[in-house]
Amino acid sequence: MSRAAERKDHPLSMRLPEADIAMIDRAAGLRGRSRTDFVREAAVRAAEDVLMQALPIRMSPEGFDAFMDVLAQPGRPVPEMVEVLTRPAPWESEKTAGR
């Protein structure tokens, strides 16, 4: 007699209002995902965000000193950011820029 393989997936049941289900289904459809895949991915992403905010960052004293040294240095402009921040907004035209 063979032993049944141990199940690795665990069910999760939720009761949601119809409007929530409709919104989830619409968003899942736009992503080409099933409702289950969409909700699982969103729940795992939200859980990771919470855990990343709650977990301390650990580093060696040498690593911390190097990190603090980098923070203490003066900032340097990033050419791509300077270009983005100095270009006119898409709704601005040359005619309205001089007003």
Foldseek 3Di string as FASTA:
>chain_A
DDDDDDDPDDDDDDDDDPVVVVVLCVVCVVVVHDSVVSVVVVVVVVVVVVVVVPDDDDDDPVVVVVVVVVVPDDDDDDVVVVVVVPDDDPPDDPVNVVD
